[in-house]
Protein backbone atom coordinates (compact mmCIF):
# COMPACT_ATOMS: atom_id res chain seq x y z
CA MET A 1 -94.07 63.64 45.13
CA VAL A 2 -90.84 63.05 43.22
CA HIS A 3 -89.09 62.28 46.53
CA ARG A 4 -91.34 59.25 47.23
CA ALA A 5 -91.43 55.75 45.77
CA THR A 6 -93.73 52.77 46.26
CA ILE A 7 -92.70 49.14 46.52
CA SER A 8 -95.44 46.87 45.22
CA MET A 9 -96.13 43.18 44.74
CA VAL A 10 -93.16 41.59 46.47
CA TYR A 11 -93.30 37.81 46.69
CA MET A 12 -90.71 35.35 47.93
CA ARG A 13 -91.14 31.64 47.18
CA LYS A 14 -91.47 29.49 50.28
CA ASN A 15 -88.20 27.66 49.66
CA LEU A 16 -86.33 31.02 49.61
CA ARG A 17 -87.90 32.49 52.74
CA GLY A 18 -85.53 32.77 55.67
CA THR A 19 -82.44 32.75 53.43
CA GLY A 20 -81.69 36.47 53.70
CA LEU A 21 -82.54 37.02 50.05
CA ALA A 22 -85.47 39.33 50.83
CA GLY A 23 -83.21 41.53 52.95
CA TYR A 24 -80.63 41.61 50.18
CA PHE A 25 -83.26 42.64 47.62
CA LEU A 26 -84.69 45.31 49.91
CA ASN A 27 -81.22 46.74 50.64
CA THR A 28 -80.56 46.87 46.89
CA ILE A 29 -83.82 48.77 46.39
CA VAL A 30 -82.99 51.17 49.23
CA ASP A 31 -79.50 51.84 47.87
CA PHE A 32 -80.88 52.49 44.37
CA ALA A 33 -83.65 54.73 45.71
CA ARG A 34 -81.21 56.81 47.74
CA GLY A 35 -78.98 57.10 44.69
CA ILE A 36 -81.74 58.71 42.66
CA GLY A 37 -82.86 61.07 45.42
CA ILE A 38 -85.77 59.16 46.94
CA LEU A 39 -86.35 60.19 50.56
CA GLN A 40 -89.27 57.91 51.43
CA LEU A 41 -90.26 54.37 50.48
CA GLU A 42 -93.88 53.31 50.91
CA LEU A 43 -95.65 49.97 50.70
CA SER A 44 -98.71 48.13 51.87
CA VAL A 45 -98.92 44.64 53.33
CA SER A 46 -101.88 42.41 54.00
CA ALA A 47 -102.86 42.58 57.66
CA GLU A 48 -103.05 38.79 57.47
CA ASN A 49 -99.36 38.41 56.57
CA PRO A 50 -97.58 38.64 59.93
CA ALA A 51 -94.26 37.37 58.55
CA ALA A 52 -94.11 40.21 56.01
CA LEU A 53 -95.15 42.75 58.63
CA ARG A 54 -92.36 41.56 60.97
CA PHE A 55 -89.84 41.63 58.12
CA TYR A 56 -90.60 45.21 57.14
CA LEU A 57 -90.61 46.37 60.77
CA ARG A 58 -87.19 44.75 61.26
CA GLU A 59 -85.98 46.52 58.12
CA GLY A 60 -86.92 49.96 59.45
CA PHE A 61 -90.43 50.46 58.08
CA ARG A 62 -93.16 51.66 60.41
CA GLU A 63 -96.90 51.36 60.20
CA VAL A 64 -98.57 54.69 59.39
CA GLY A 65 -102.12 53.55 58.77
CA ARG A 66 -104.54 50.99 57.44
CA ILE A 67 -106.84 50.80 54.48
CA PRO A 68 -109.95 48.90 55.61
CA GLY A 69 -110.84 46.26 53.05
CA GLY A 70 -107.91 47.31 50.88
CA LEU A 71 -107.60 43.80 49.48
CA LEU A 72 -110.44 41.65 48.20
CA HIS A 73 -109.50 37.96 48.25
CA GLU A 74 -112.06 35.33 47.27
CA GLY A 75 -114.89 37.67 48.20
CA ARG A 76 -113.37 38.53 51.60
CA GLU A 77 -112.09 41.99 52.53
CA ILE A 78 -108.67 42.18 54.17
CA ASP A 79 -107.08 45.33 55.55
CA ASP A 80 -103.92 46.72 53.97
CA VAL A 81 -101.28 47.96 56.43
CA VAL A 82 -99.56 51.05 55.04
CA MET A 83 -95.87 51.26 55.94
CA VAL A 84 -93.18 53.88 55.36
CA SER A 85 -89.40 54.03 55.60
CA ARG A 86 -87.63 57.37 55.61
CA LEU A 87 -84.31 57.11 53.78
CA ILE A 88 -82.71 60.28 55.08
CA ALA A 89 -79.93 59.85 57.63
């Protein structure tokens, strides 16, 4: 599994959303990951966060599955959407 890496707990403050900063950060992560031999980035996003889902899809991630009830928020279960980006050309 040395060829895989997981991105976790990304948060962008509301006043910084839509500025391109998230794309810059993600590109920096991708460049670093490629540089150390990572072939696949993985992450999960709340199914109730459509903006994040759209962002990752635009950035080349694809949905590969869901974890039912993967997140428990205030006693309510929310699905996690599992996404993957292959870094090989």
